[in-house]
C-alpha atoms as a PDB file:
ATOM      1  CA  VAL A   1     107.515 105.768 137.796  1.00  0.00           C
ATOM      2  CA  GLU A   2     108.230 109.487 137.888  1.00  0.00           C
ATOM      3  CA  GLN A   3     110.451 109.395 134.787  1.00  0.00           C
ATOM      4  CA  CYS A   4     107.904 107.293 132.916  1.00  0.00           C
ATOM      5  CA  CYS A   5     105.070 109.700 133.751  1.00  0.00           C
ATOM      6  CA  THR A   6     107.203 112.739 132.902  1.00  0.00           C
ATOM      7  CA  THR A   7     108.063 111.298 129.487  1.00  0.00           C
ATOM      8  CA  LEU A   8     104.444 110.371 128.738  1.00  0.00           C
ATOM      9  CA  GLU A   9     103.318 113.843 129.810  1.00  0.00           C
ATOM     10  CA  MET A  10     105.864 115.375 127.409  1.00  0.00           C
ATOM     11  CA  LEU A  11     104.533 113.150 124.602  1.00  0.00           C
ATOM     12  CA  TYR A  12     101.000 114.293 125.415  1.00  0.00           C
ATOM     13  CA  HIS A  13     101.974 117.980 125.195  1.00  0.00           C
ATOM     14  CA  LYS A  14     104.194 117.517 122.119  1.00  0.00           C
ATOM     15  CA  PRO A  15     102.160 115.499 119.603  1.00  0.00           C
ATOM     16  CA  GLU A  16     104.707 116.321 116.902  1.00  0.00           C
ATOM     17  CA  ARG A  17     107.152 114.055 118.760  1.00  0.00           C
ATOM     18  CA  ALA A  18     104.622 111.429 119.869  1.00  0.00           C
ATOM     19  CA  ARG A  19     103.473 110.793 116.304  1.00  0.00           C
ATOM     20  CA  HIS A  20     106.843 109.140 115.545  1.00  0.00           C
ATOM     21  CA  VAL A  21     106.650 106.570 118.367  1.00  0.00           C
ATOM     22  CA  ARG A  22     106.353 103.062 116.914  1.00  0.00           C
ATOM     23  CA  THR A  23     107.199 101.020 120.013  1.00  0.00           C
ATOM     24  CA  LEU A  24     106.338 101.971 123.577  1.00  0.00           C
ATOM     25  CA  ILE A  25     107.504  99.936 126.555  1.00  0.00           C
ATOM     26  CA  VAL A  26     106.563 101.180 130.004  1.00  0.00           C
ATOM     27  CA  SER A  27     107.980  99.853 133.286  1.00  0.00           C
ATOM     28  CA  PRO A  28     105.752 101.002 136.138  1.00  0.00           C
ATOM     29  CA  GLU A  29     107.692  99.243 138.902  1.00  0.00           C
ATOM     30  CA  PRO A  30     110.991 100.112 140.556  1.00  0.00           C
ATOM     31  CA  PRO A  31     113.959  97.926 139.559  1.00  0.00           C
ATOM     32  CA  SER A  32     114.060  96.324 143.008  1.00  0.00           C
ATOM     33  CA  ARG A  33     110.658  95.556 144.493  1.00  0.00           C
ATOM     34  CA  THR A  34     112.257  94.369 147.732  1.00  0.00           C
ATOM     35  CA  HIS A  35     112.704  97.959 148.901  1.00  0.00           C
ATOM     36  CA  ARG A  36     109.190  99.007 147.967  1.00  0.00           C
ATOM     37  CA  GLY A  37     105.847  97.631 149.068  1.00  0.00           C
ATOM     38  CA  SER A  38     103.010  96.432 146.875  1.00  0.00           C
ATOM     39  CA  ARG A  39     101.129  99.666 147.647  1.00  0.00           C
ATOM     40  CA  TYR A  40     103.871 101.612 145.854  1.00  0.00           C
ATOM     41  CA  VAL A  41     103.639  99.272 142.864  1.00  0.00           C
ATOM     42  CA  LEU A  42      99.846  99.684 142.705  1.00  0.00           C
ATOM     43  CA  GLU A  43     100.042 103.481 142.991  1.00  0.00           C
ATOM     44  CA  GLY A  44     102.728 103.564 140.300  1.00  0.00           C
ATOM     45  CA  GLY A  45     100.586 101.384 138.058  1.00  0.00           C
ATOM     46  CA  TYR A  46      97.673 103.809 138.379  1.00  0.00           C
ATOM     47  CA  LYS A  47      99.889 106.789 137.570  1.00  0.00           C
ATOM     48  CA  VAL A  48     101.566 105.179 134.565  1.00  0.00           C
ATOM     49  CA  SER A  49      98.400 103.690 133.080  1.00  0.00           C
ATOM     50  CA  ALA A  50      96.637 107.067 133.419  1.00  0.00           C
ATOM     51  CA  ALA A  51      99.561 108.787 131.666  1.00  0.00           C
ATOM     52  CA  VAL A  52      99.496 106.217 128.826  1.00  0.00           C
ATOM     53  CA  ARG A  53      95.740 106.684 128.456  1.00  0.00           C
ATOM     54  CA  LYS A  54      96.159 110.470 128.286  1.00  0.00           C
ATOM     55  CA  ALA A  55      98.930 110.376 125.663  1.00  0.00           C
ATOM     56  CA  ALA A  56      97.485 107.506 123.581  1.00  0.00           C
ATOM     57  CA  GLY A  57      95.696 109.771 121.117  1.00  0.00           C
ATOM     58  CA  ASN A  58      99.018 111.211 119.941  1.00  0.00           C
ATOM     59  CA  PHE A  59     100.602 107.872 119.004  1.00  0.00           C
ATOM     60  CA  GLU A  60      99.671 107.893 115.313  1.00  0.00           C
ATOM     61  CA  VAL A  61     102.034 105.108 114.177  1.00  0.00           C
ATOM     62  CA  LEU A  62     102.261 103.013 117.348  1.00  0.00           C
ATOM     63  CA  GLN A  63     102.720  99.376 116.337  1.00  0.00           C
ATOM     64  CA  ARG A  64     103.863  97.725 119.562  1.00  0.00           C
ATOM     65  CA  PHE A  65     103.071  98.375 123.214  1.00  0.00           C
ATOM     66  CA  LYS A  66     104.441  96.471 126.190  1.00  0.00           C
ATOM     67  CA  TRP A  67     103.457  96.815 129.843  1.00  0.00           C
ATOM     68  CA  ASP A  68     106.648  95.628 131.540  1.00  0.00           C
ATOM     69  CA  GLY A  69     105.385  94.995 135.031  1.00  0.00           C
ATOM     70  CA  GLU A  70     104.501  92.074 137.242  1.00  0.00           C
ATOM     71  CA  GLU A  71     101.041  93.473 137.957  1.00  0.00           C
ATOM     72  CA  LEU A  72      98.491  94.181 135.237  1.00  0.00           C
ATOM     73  CA  PRO A  73      97.618  97.843 134.647  1.00  0.00           C
ATOM     74  CA  PRO A  74      94.910  98.898 137.106  1.00  0.00           C
ATOM     75  CA  ASN A  75      93.130 101.137 134.567  1.00  0.00           C
ATOM     76  CA  ASP A  76      91.453  98.993 131.912  1.00  0.00           C
ATOM     77  CA  ASP A  77      90.519 102.077 129.922  1.00  0.00           C
ATOM     78  CA  MET A  78      94.207 102.441 129.046  1.00  0.00           C
ATOM     79  CA  TRP A  79      93.829  99.396 126.758  1.00  0.00           C
ATOM     80  CA  PHE A  80      90.740 100.907 125.137  1.00  0.00           C
ATOM     81  CA  ALA A  81      92.582 104.180 124.473  1.00  0.00           C
ATOM     82  CA  LEU A  82      95.408 102.267 122.781  1.00  0.00           C
ATOM     83  CA  ARG A  83      93.033 100.152 120.686  1.00  0.00           C
ATOM     84  CA  VAL A  84      91.226 103.195 119.284  1.00  0.00           C
ATOM     85  CA  LEU A  85      94.396 104.254 117.453  1.00  0.00           C
END
């Protein structure tokens, strides 16, 4: 989750890089959920979906987005931000 949010934050602050992103796949959950509780997964989902929403305006040529998680993103406005592109 931390690496995902750090990368999305960089793409928010560097639109000259973000404008080249055509495919974005985010994985908001740890590789092994057995060591983490569902609370961690939910908190991570909030953080990642908020970071996607923030950076979405910089993805000028984004063609494909995938939320690679078992749980749906908790912030529905993330989808709206991606659709406005």
